[in-house]
Amino acid sequence: MDMNFNVVKLDNNGSVVWDKNYGGQETEEAFAICETRDGGFIVVGSSDSYGGGPDMKDIWVIKLDKNGDRHWAKIFG
């Protein structure tokens, strides 16, 4: 089953500020997320949509801005 991952930002009351989907045609999984100094986020996970191709998991690092828009993405593997 191919799947992407979502990142959801909530406000202090638990209401959704934004909900974004990231990935390609194959499977992506997010393993960690960290807020950055500029209010954005770094997400680290794996991907077989980018890099080596289907069934070849590579490390996928995505930098998101404070609105959840992708600023850049890097593949390692």
C-alpha atoms as a PDB file:
ATOM      1  CA  MET A   1       0.000   0.000   0.000  1.00  0.00           C
ATOM      2  CA  ASP A   2       1.496   3.327  -1.048  1.00  0.00           C
ATOM      3  CA  MET A   3       1.085   6.230   1.349  1.00  0.00           C
ATOM      4  CA  ASN A   4       2.333   9.715   2.114  1.00  0.00           C
ATOM      5  CA  PHE A   5       2.477  11.484   5.448  1.00  0.00           C
ATOM      6  CA  ASN A   6       0.599  14.426   6.883  1.00  0.00           C
ATOM      7  CA  VAL A   7       1.854  17.120   9.210  1.00  0.00           C
ATOM      8  CA  VAL A   8      -0.849  18.860  11.213  1.00  0.00           C
ATOM      9  CA  LYS A   9      -0.247  22.093  13.143  1.00  0.00           C
ATOM     10  CA  LEU A  10      -2.624  22.785  16.009  1.00  0.00           C
ATOM     11  CA  ASP A  11      -3.176  25.964  18.006  1.00  0.00           C
ATOM     12  CA  ASN A  12      -3.209  26.103  21.820  1.00  0.00           C
ATOM     13  CA  ASN A  13      -6.871  25.035  21.846  1.00  0.00           C
ATOM     14  CA  GLY A  14      -6.242  21.973  19.672  1.00  0.00           C
ATOM     15  CA  SER A  15      -7.845  23.477  16.576  1.00  0.00           C
ATOM     16  CA  VAL A  16      -6.209  22.739  13.218  1.00  0.00           C
ATOM     17  CA  VAL A  17      -4.131  25.666  11.891  1.00  0.00           C
ATOM     18  CA  TRP A  18      -3.013  23.721   8.793  1.00  0.00           C
ATOM     19  CA  ASP A  19      -2.920  20.114   7.590  1.00  0.00           C
ATOM     20  CA  LYS A  20      -0.490  19.267   4.778  1.00  0.00           C
ATOM     21  CA  ASN A  21       0.317  16.081   2.854  1.00  0.00           C
ATOM     22  CA  TYR A  22       3.846  15.301   1.644  1.00  0.00           C
ATOM     23  CA  GLY A  23       5.118  12.586  -0.648  1.00  0.00           C
ATOM     24  CA  GLY A  24       5.135  11.117  -4.104  1.00  0.00           C
ATOM     25  CA  GLN A  25       3.765   8.073  -5.884  1.00  0.00           C
ATOM     26  CA  GLU A  26       5.315   5.488  -3.551  1.00  0.00           C
ATOM     27  CA  THR A  27       5.551   5.272   0.251  1.00  0.00           C
ATOM     28  CA  GLU A  28       6.779   7.982   2.627  1.00  0.00           C
ATOM     29  CA  GLU A  29       6.991   7.705   6.409  1.00  0.00           C
ATOM     30  CA  ALA A  30       7.809  10.475   8.905  1.00  0.00           C
ATOM     31  CA  PHE A  31       9.848   9.488  11.959  1.00  0.00           C
ATOM     32  CA  ALA A  32      10.656  12.811  13.661  1.00  0.00           C
ATOM     33  CA  ILE A  33       9.727  16.485  13.538  1.00  0.00           C
ATOM     34  CA  CYS A  34      11.408  19.451  15.186  1.00  0.00           C
ATOM     35  CA  GLU A  35      10.459  23.120  15.246  1.00  0.00           C
ATOM     36  CA  THR A  36      13.137  25.418  13.825  1.00  0.00           C
ATOM     37  CA  ARG A  37      14.194  28.869  15.074  1.00  0.00           C
ATOM     38  CA  ASP A  38      12.273  30.569  12.264  1.00  0.00           C
ATOM     39  CA  GLY A  39       8.979  28.962  13.334  1.00  0.00           C
ATOM     40  CA  GLY A  40       9.110  26.313  10.629  1.00  0.00           C
ATOM     41  CA  PHE A  41       9.800  22.599  10.954  1.00  0.00           C
ATOM     42  CA  ILE A  42      12.287  19.931   9.922  1.00  0.00           C
ATOM     43  CA  VAL A  43      10.726  16.533   9.222  1.00  0.00           C
ATOM     44  CA  VAL A  44      12.894  13.414   8.917  1.00  0.00           C
ATOM     45  CA  GLY A  45      11.566  10.191   7.453  1.00  0.00           C
ATOM     46  CA  SER A  46      11.968   7.747   4.621  1.00  0.00           C
ATOM     47  CA  SER A  47      10.876   7.704   1.007  1.00  0.00           C
ATOM     48  CA  ASP A  48      10.868   5.283  -1.865  1.00  0.00           C
ATOM     49  CA  SER A  49       9.268   7.836  -4.227  1.00  0.00           C
ATOM     50  CA  TYR A  50      12.443   9.899  -4.466  1.00  0.00           C
ATOM     51  CA  GLY A  51      16.042   8.730  -4.771  1.00  0.00           C
ATOM     52  CA  GLY A  52      16.573   4.988  -5.292  1.00  0.00           C
ATOM     53  CA  GLY A  53      13.031   4.225  -6.423  1.00  0.00           C
ATOM     54  CA  PRO A  54      10.278   1.785  -5.407  1.00  0.00           C
ATOM     55  CA  ASP A  55      11.153  -0.577  -2.540  1.00  0.00           C
ATOM     56  CA  MET A  56      14.449   1.267  -1.904  1.00  0.00           C
ATOM     57  CA  LYS A  57      14.030   3.376   1.240  1.00  0.00           C
ATOM     58  CA  ASP A  58      16.133   6.527   1.406  1.00  0.00           C
ATOM     59  CA  ILE A  59      16.284   9.108   4.194  1.00  0.00           C
ATOM     60  CA  TRP A  60      14.092  12.092   3.331  1.00  0.00           C
ATOM     61  CA  VAL A  61      14.551  15.427   5.133  1.00  0.00           C
ATOM     62  CA  ILE A  62      12.060  18.225   4.502  1.00  0.00           C
ATOM     63  CA  LYS A  63      12.247  21.844   5.688  1.00  0.00           C
ATOM     64  CA  LEU A  64       8.812  23.407   6.090  1.00  0.00           C
ATOM     65  CA  ASP A  65       8.070  27.080   6.673  1.00  0.00           C
ATOM     66  CA  LYS A  66       5.718  28.274   9.420  1.00  0.00           C
ATOM     67  CA  ASN A  67       2.732  27.724   7.081  1.00  0.00           C
ATOM     68  CA  GLY A  68       3.687  24.123   6.303  1.00  0.00           C
ATOM     69  CA  ASP A  69       4.883  24.935   2.793  1.00  0.00           C
ATOM     70  CA  ARG A  70       7.919  22.962   1.668  1.00  0.00           C
ATOM     71  CA  HIS A  71      10.999  25.193   1.596  1.00  0.00           C
ATOM     72  CA  TRP A  72      13.382  22.400   0.524  1.00  0.00           C
ATOM     73  CA  ALA A  73      13.768  18.618   0.604  1.00  0.00           C
ATOM     74  CA  LYS A  74      16.894  16.426   0.542  1.00  0.00           C
ATOM     75  CA  ILE A  75      17.348  12.701  -0.112  1.00  0.00           C
ATOM     76  CA  PHE A  76      20.177  10.686   1.489  1.00  0.00           C
ATOM     77  CA  GLY A  77      20.882   7.091   0.640  1.00  0.00           C
END
